[in-house]
PDB file of all heavy atoms in Angstrom:
ATOM      1  N   ALA A   1    -244.597 218.748  29.544  1.00  0.00           N
ATOM      2  CA  ALA A   1    -245.713 218.650  28.608  1.00  0.00           C
ATOM      3  C   ALA A   1    -246.780 219.703  28.865  1.00  0.00           C
ATOM      4  O   ALA A   1    -247.390 220.227  27.928  1.00  0.00           O
ATOM      5  CB  ALA A   1    -246.317 217.253  28.686  1.00  0.00           C
ATOM      6  N   ASP A   2    -247.025 220.009  30.139  1.00  0.00           N
ATOM      7  CA  ASP A   2    -248.014 221.033  30.479  1.00  0.00           C
ATOM      8  C   ASP A   2    -247.335 222.311  30.976  1.00  0.00           C
ATOM      9  O   ASP A   2    -247.951 223.136  31.658  1.00  0.00           O
ATOM     10  CB  ASP A   2    -248.995 220.520  31.538  1.00  0.00           C
ATOM     11  CG  ASP A   2    -248.295 220.120  32.837  1.00  0.00           C
ATOM     12  OD1 ASP A   2    -247.040 220.032  32.836  1.00  0.00           O
ATOM     13  OD2 ASP A   2    -248.980 219.890  33.838  1.00  0.00           O
ATOM     14  N   GLY A   3    -246.049 222.468  30.648  1.00  0.00           N
ATOM     15  CA  GLY A   3    -245.303 223.640  31.092  1.00  0.00           C
ATOM     16  C   GLY A   3    -245.721 224.906  30.359  1.00  0.00           C
ATOM     17  O   GLY A   3    -246.347 224.867  29.300  1.00  0.00           O
ATOM     18  N   LEU A   4    -245.338 226.045  30.938  1.00  0.00           N
ATOM     19  CA  LEU A   4    -245.697 227.341  30.374  1.00  0.00           C
ATOM     20  C   LEU A   4    -244.469 228.221  30.232  1.00  0.00           C
ATOM     21  O   LEU A   4    -243.545 228.169  31.051  1.00  0.00           O
ATOM     22  CB  LEU A   4    -246.704 228.062  31.271  1.00  0.00           C
ATOM     23  CG  LEU A   4    -248.094 227.429  31.423  1.00  0.00           C
ATOM     24  CD1 LEU A   4    -248.913 228.252  32.405  1.00  0.00           C
ATOM     25  CD2 LEU A   4    -248.794 227.321  30.088  1.00  0.00           C
ATOM     26  N   VAL A   5    -244.486 229.048  29.194  1.00  0.00           N
ATOM     27  CA  VAL A   5    -243.507 230.107  29.014  1.00  0.00           C
ATOM     28  C   VAL A   5    -244.258 231.427  29.124  1.00  0.00           C
ATOM     29  O   VAL A   5    -245.270 231.638  28.452  1.00  0.00           O
ATOM     30  CB  VAL A   5    -242.812 230.017  27.637  1.00  0.00           C
ATOM     31  CG1 VAL A   5    -241.866 231.209  27.436  1.00  0.00           C
ATOM     32  CG2 VAL A   5    -242.041 228.708  27.515  1.00  0.00           C
ATOM     33  N   VAL A   6    -243.781 232.303  29.993  1.00  0.00           N
ATOM     34  CA  VAL A   6    -244.406 233.613  30.202  1.00  0.00           C
ATOM     35  C   VAL A   6    -243.456 234.675  29.668  1.00  0.00           C
ATOM     36  O   VAL A   6    -242.390 234.918  30.227  1.00  0.00           O
ATOM     37  CB  VAL A   6    -244.699 233.857  31.701  1.00  0.00           C
ATOM     38  CG1 VAL A   6    -245.373 235.222  31.896  1.00  0.00           C
ATOM     39  CG2 VAL A   6    -245.568 232.738  32.267  1.00  0.00           C
ATOM     40  N   LEU A   7    -243.858 235.288  28.550  1.00  0.00           N
ATOM     41  CA  LEU A   7    -243.014 236.258  27.852  1.00  0.00           C
ATOM     42  C   LEU A   7    -243.580 237.654  28.053  1.00  0.00           C
ATOM     43  O   LEU A   7    -244.768 237.885  27.825  1.00  0.00           O
ATOM     44  CB  LEU A   7    -242.971 235.920  26.357  1.00  0.00           C
ATOM     45  CG  LEU A   7    -242.329 236.944  25.412  1.00  0.00           C
ATOM     46  CD1 LEU A   7    -240.846 237.119  25.716  1.00  0.00           C
ATOM     47  CD2 LEU A   7    -242.552 236.525  23.958  1.00  0.00           C
ATOM     48  N   ARG A   8    -242.717 238.585  28.466  1.00  0.00           N
ATOM     49  CA  ARG A   8    -243.143 239.984  28.584  1.00  0.00           C
ATOM     50  C   ARG A   8    -242.472 240.810  27.502  1.00  0.00           C
ATOM     51  O   ARG A   8    -241.260 240.711  27.289  1.00  0.00           O
ATOM     52  CB  ARG A   8    -242.796 240.556  29.961  1.00  0.00           C
ATOM     53  CG  ARG A   8    -243.330 241.989  30.114  1.00  0.00           C
ATOM     54  CD  ARG A   8    -243.229 242.495  31.530  1.00  0.00           C
ATOM     55  NE  ARG A   8    -241.871 242.736  31.950  1.00  0.00           N
ATOM     56  CZ  ARG A   8    -241.491 243.791  32.690  1.00  0.00           C
ATOM     57  NH1 ARG A   8    -242.373 244.700  33.068  1.00  0.00           N
ATOM     58  NH2 ARG A   8    -240.245 243.932  33.075  1.00  0.00           N
ATOM     59  N   THR A   9    -243.259 241.639  26.823  1.00  0.00           N
ATOM     60  CA  THR A   9    -242.754 242.507  25.770  1.00  0.00           C
ATOM     61  C   THR A   9    -243.410 243.885  25.894  1.00  0.00           C
ATOM     62  O   THR A   9    -244.442 244.025  26.576  1.00  0.00           O
ATOM     63  CB  THR A   9    -243.070 241.951  24.366  1.00  0.00           C
ATOM     64  OG1 THR A   9    -244.482 242.094  24.114  1.00  0.00           O
ATOM     65  CG2 THR A   9    -242.667 240.497  24.227  1.00  0.00           C
ATOM     66  N   PRO A  10    -242.861 244.894  25.222  1.00  0.00           N
ATOM     67  CA  PRO A  10    -243.604 246.148  25.113  1.00  0.00           C
ATOM     68  C   PRO A  10    -244.923 245.904  24.383  1.00  0.00           C
ATOM     69  O   PRO A  10    -245.001 245.056  23.483  1.00  0.00           O
ATOM     70  CB  PRO A  10    -242.673 247.052  24.289  1.00  0.00           C
ATOM     71  CG  PRO A  10    -241.320 246.436  24.418  1.00  0.00           C
ATOM     72  CD  PRO A  10    -241.545 244.973  24.549  1.00  0.00           C
ATOM     73  N   LYS A  11    -245.944 246.636  24.750  1.00  0.00           N
ATOM     74  CA  LYS A  11    -247.277 246.424  24.200  1.00  0.00           C
ATOM     75  C   LYS A  11    -247.309 246.512  22.681  1.00  0.00           C
ATOM     76  O   LYS A  11    -248.025 245.763  22.016  1.00  0.00           O
ATOM     77  CB  LYS A  11    -248.239 247.449  24.817  1.00  0.00           C
ATOM     78  CG  LYS A  11    -249.678 247.334  24.379  1.00  0.00           C
ATOM     79  CD  LYS A  11    -250.528 248.361  25.105  1.00  0.00           C
ATOM     80  CE  LYS A  11    -251.989 248.279  24.690  1.00  0.00           C
ATOM     81  NZ  LYS A  11    -252.805 249.284  25.442  1.00  0.00           N
ATOM     82  N   ARG A  12    -246.514 247.423  22.100  1.00  0.00           N
ATOM     83  CA  ARG A  12    -246.599 247.665  20.662  1.00  0.00           C
ATOM     84  C   ARG A  12    -245.699 246.752  19.825  1.00  0.00           C
ATOM     85  O   ARG A  12    -245.683 246.873  18.600  1.00  0.00           O
ATOM     86  CB  ARG A  12    -246.270 249.131  20.371  1.00  0.00           C
ATOM     87  CG  ARG A  12    -247.293 250.092  20.974  1.00  0.00           C
ATOM     88  CD  ARG A  12    -247.010 251.525  20.589  1.00  0.00           C
ATOM     89  NE  ARG A  12    -248.001 252.427  21.166  1.00  0.00           N
ATOM     90  CZ  ARG A  12    -248.006 253.747  20.987  1.00  0.00           C
ATOM     91  NH1 ARG A  12    -247.065 254.303  20.229  1.00  0.00           N
ATOM     92  NH2 ARG A  12    -248.942 254.487  21.549  1.00  0.00           N
ATOM     93  N   VAL A  13    -244.970 245.865  20.460  1.00  0.00           N
ATOM     94  CA  VAL A  13    -244.162 244.903  19.708  1.00  0.00           C
ATOM     95  C   VAL A  13    -245.064 243.765  19.247  1.00  0.00           C
ATOM     96  O   VAL A  13    -245.818 243.188  20.041  1.00  0.00           O
ATOM     97  CB  VAL A  13    -243.009 244.357  20.575  1.00  0.00           C
ATOM     98  CG1 VAL A  13    -242.367 243.143  19.917  1.00  0.00           C
ATOM     99  CG2 VAL A  13    -241.959 245.436  20.796  1.00  0.00           C
ATOM    100  N   GLU A  14    -245.009 243.434  17.980  1.00  0.00           N
ATOM    101  CA  GLU A  14    -245.816 242.346  17.435  1.00  0.00           C
ATOM    102  C   GLU A  14    -245.056 241.024  17.561  1.00  0.00           C
ATOM    103  O   GLU A  14    -244.059 240.798  16.892  1.00  0.00           O
ATOM    104  CB  GLU A  14    -246.158 242.621  15.973  1.00  0.00           C
ATOM    105  CG  GLU A  14    -247.109 243.802  15.779  1.00  0.00           C
ATOM    106  CD  GLU A  14    -247.582 243.928  14.341  1.00  0.00           C
ATOM    107  OE1 GLU A  14    -247.387 242.964  13.567  1.00  0.00           O
ATOM    108  OE2 GLU A  14    -248.134 244.986  14.006  1.00  0.00           O
ATOM    109  N   CYS A  15    -245.553 240.178  18.424  1.00  0.00           N
ATOM    110  CA  CYS A  15    -244.938 238.870  18.663  1.00  0.00           C
ATOM    111  C   CYS A  15    -245.660 237.821  17.826  1.00  0.00           C
ATOM    112  O   CYS A  15    -246.897 237.774  17.822  1.00  0.00           O
ATOM    113  CB  CYS A  15    -245.032 238.518  20.143  1.00  0.00           C
ATOM    114  SG  CYS A  15    -244.494 236.856  20.572  1.00  0.00           S
ATOM    115  N   PRO A  16    -244.922 236.964  17.113  1.00  0.00           N
ATOM    116  CA  PRO A  16    -245.588 235.884  16.367  1.00  0.00           C
ATOM    117  C   PRO A  16    -246.409 235.002  17.309  1.00  0.00           C
ATOM    118  O   PRO A  16    -246.024 234.778  18.460  1.00  0.00           O
ATOM    119  CB  PRO A  16    -244.415 235.102  15.768  1.00  0.00           C
ATOM    120  CG  PRO A  16    -243.281 236.076  15.733  1.00  0.00           C
ATOM    121  CD  PRO A  16    -243.461 236.955  16.931  1.00  0.00           C
ATOM    122  N   GLU A  17    -247.540 234.514  16.826  1.00  0.00           N
ATOM    123  CA  GLU A  17    -248.391 233.674  17.664  1.00  0.00           C
ATOM    124  C   GLU A  17    -247.714 232.364  18.028  1.00  0.00           C
ATOM    125  O   GLU A  17    -247.908 231.832  19.117  1.00  0.00           O
ATOM    126  CB  GLU A  17    -249.716 233.396  16.952  1.00  0.00           C
ATOM    127  CG  GLU A  17    -250.698 232.610  17.787  1.00  0.00           C
ATOM    128  CD  GLU A  17    -252.058 232.477  17.141  1.00  0.00           C
ATOM    129  OE1 GLU A  17    -252.354 233.263  16.219  1.00  0.00           O
ATOM    130  OE2 GLU A  17    -252.823 231.582  17.561  1.00  0.00           O
ATOM    131  N   THR A  18    -246.899 231.849  17.109  1.00  0.00           N
ATOM    132  CA  THR A  18    -246.163 230.613  17.349  1.00  0.00           C
ATOM    133  C   THR A  18    -244.668 230.913  17.305  1.00  0.00           C
ATOM    134  O   THR A  18    -244.177 231.546  16.374  1.00  0.00           O
ATOM    135  CB  THR A  18    -246.509 229.554  16.298  1.00  0.00           C
ATOM    136  OG1 THR A  18    -247.905 229.235  16.407  1.00  0.00           O
ATOM    137  CG2 THR A  18    -245.689 228.292  16.507  1.00  0.00           C
ATOM    138  N   LEU A  19    -243.980 230.476  18.344  1.00  0.00           N
ATOM    139  CA  LEU A  19    -242.530 230.664  18.434  1.00  0.00           C
ATOM    140  C   LEU A  19    -241.889 229.284  18.473  1.00  0.00           C
ATOM    141  O   LEU A  19    -241.636 228.730  19.548  1.00  0.00           O
ATOM    142  CB  LEU A  19    -242.174 231.482  19.676  1.00  0.00           C
ATOM    143  CG  LEU A  19    -242.656 232.942  19.664  1.00  0.00           C
ATOM    144  CD1 LEU A  19    -242.468 233.578  21.036  1.00  0.00           C
ATOM    145  CD2 LEU A  19    -241.922 233.742  18.599  1.00  0.00           C
ATOM    146  N   GLY A  20    -241.670 228.723  17.297  1.00  0.00           N
ATOM    147  CA  GLY A  20    -241.115 227.373  17.239  1.00  0.00           C
ATOM    148  C   GLY A  20    -242.078 226.381  17.858  1.00  0.00           C
ATOM    149  O   GLY A  20    -243.227 226.262  17.420  1.00  0.00           O
ATOM    150  N   PRO A  21    -241.665 225.695  18.921  1.00  0.00           N
ATOM    151  CA  PRO A  21    -242.503 224.644  19.505  1.00  0.00           C
ATOM    152  C   PRO A  21    -243.591 225.148  20.445  1.00  0.00           C
ATOM    153  O   PRO A  21    -244.419 224.362  20.898  1.00  0.00           O
ATOM    154  CB  PRO A  21    -241.485 223.794  20.276  1.00  0.00           C
ATOM    155  CG  PRO A  21    -240.439 224.783  20.679  1.00  0.00           C
ATOM    156  CD  PRO A  21    -240.338 225.758  19.530  1.00  0.00           C
ATOM    157  N   VAL A  22    -243.595 226.438  20.763  1.00  0.00           N
ATOM    158  CA  VAL A  22    -244.594 226.960  21.700  1.00  0.00           C
ATOM    159  C   VAL A  22    -245.544 227.913  20.982  1.00  0.00           C
ATOM    160  O   VAL A  22    -245.152 228.649  20.076  1.00  0.00           O
ATOM    161  CB  VAL A  22    -243.948 227.647  22.920  1.00  0.00           C
ATOM    162  CG1 VAL A  22    -243.214 226.628  23.767  1.00  0.00           C
ATOM    163  CG2 VAL A  22    -243.010 228.772  22.505  1.00  0.00           C
ATOM    164  N   THR A  23    -246.794 227.879  21.438  1.00  0.00           N
ATOM    165  CA  THR A  23    -247.857 228.663  20.819  1.00  0.00           C
ATOM    166  C   THR A  23    -248.559 229.504  21.872  1.00  0.00           C
ATOM    167  O   THR A  23    -248.730 229.079  23.020  1.00  0.00           O
ATOM    168  CB  THR A  23    -248.893 227.728  20.150  1.00  0.00           C
ATOM    169  OG1 THR A  23    -248.235 226.953  19.140  1.00  0.00           O
ATOM    170  CG2 THR A  23    -250.021 228.519  19.512  1.00  0.00           C
ATOM    171  N   THR A  24    -248.994 230.691  21.479  1.00  0.00           N
ATOM    172  CA  THR A  24    -249.682 231.597  22.391  1.00  0.00           C
ATOM    173  C   THR A  24    -251.013 231.015  22.851  1.00  0.00           C
ATOM    174  O   THR A  24    -251.834 230.594  22.033  1.00  0.00           O
ATOM    175  CB  THR A  24    -249.920 232.959  21.715  1.00  0.00           C
ATOM    176  OG1 THR A  24    -248.664 233.526  21.352  1.00  0.00           O
ATOM    177  CG2 THR A  24    -250.654 233.903  22.649  1.00  0.00           C
ATOM    178  N   LYS A  25    -251.218 230.991  24.163  1.00  0.00           N
ATOM    179  CA  LYS A  25    -252.479 230.556  24.755  1.00  0.00           C
ATOM    180  C   LYS A  25    -253.328 231.743  25.183  1.00  0.00           C
ATOM    181  O   LYS A  25    -254.551 231.683  25.153  1.00  0.00           O
ATOM    182  CB  LYS A  25    -252.209 229.663  25.976  1.00  0.00           C
ATOM    183  CG  LYS A  25    -251.308 228.464  25.707  1.00  0.00           C
ATOM    184  CD  LYS A  25    -251.895 227.528  24.666  1.00  0.00           C
ATOM    185  CE  LYS A  25    -250.993 226.321  24.440  1.00  0.00           C
ATOM    186  NZ  LYS A  25    -251.542 225.409  23.400  1.00  0.00           N
ATOM    187  N   ARG A  26    -252.670 232.802  25.607  1.00  0.00           N
ATOM    188  CA  ARG A  26    -253.393 233.994  26.062  1.00  0.00           C
ATOM    189  C   ARG A  26    -252.439 235.179  26.069  1.00  0.00           C
ATOM    190  O   ARG A  26    -251.263 235.035  26.398  1.00  0.00           O
ATOM    191  CB  ARG A  26    -253.947 233.773  27.476  1.00  0.00           C
ATOM    192  CG  ARG A  26    -254.881 234.873  27.987  1.00  0.00           C
ATOM    193  CD  ARG A  26    -256.243 234.790  27.333  1.00  0.00           C
ATOM    194  NE  ARG A  26    -257.099 235.912  27.662  1.00  0.00           N
ATOM    195  CZ  ARG A  26    -257.919 235.966  28.711  1.00  0.00           C
ATOM    196  NH1 ARG A  26    -257.966 234.970  29.569  1.00  0.00           N
ATOM    197  NH2 ARG A  26    -258.692 237.008  28.912  1.00  0.00           N
ATOM    198  N   THR A  27    -252.932 236.340  25.723  1.00  0.00           N
ATOM    199  CA  THR A  27    -252.158 237.580  25.806  1.00  0.00           C
ATOM    200  C   THR A  27    -252.968 238.601  26.571  1.00  0.00           C
ATOM    201  O   THR A  27    -254.168 238.778  26.319  1.00  0.00           O
ATOM    202  CB  THR A  27    -251.831 238.136  24.404  1.00  0.00           C
ATOM    203  OG1 THR A  27    -251.059 237.180  23.681  1.00  0.00           O
ATOM    204  CG2 THR A  27    -251.044 239.430  24.505  1.00  0.00           C
ATOM    205  N   LYS A  28    -252.299 239.287  27.513  1.00  0.00           N
ATOM    206  CA  LYS A  28    -252.956 240.347  28.261  1.00  0.00           C
ATOM    207  C   LYS A  28    -252.055 241.564  28.306  1.00  0.00           C
ATOM    208  O   LYS A  28    -250.831 241.456  28.325  1.00  0.00           O
ATOM    209  CB  LYS A  28    -253.297 239.880  29.687  1.00  0.00           C
ATOM    210  CG  LYS A  28    -254.574 239.074  29.782  1.00  0.00           C
ATOM    211  CD  LYS A  28    -255.781 239.926  29.421  1.00  0.00           C
ATOM    212  CE  LYS A  28    -257.071 239.159  29.571  1.00  0.00           C
ATOM    213  NZ  LYS A  28    -258.238 240.001  29.241  1.00  0.00           N
TER     214      LYS A  28
END
């Protein structure tokens, strides 16, 4: 329930804010 997914991508790739059941909390 409080788990996290940490996704790494190239900086210029546009990732959707919501990926199915998970939502972006922070991007750096």
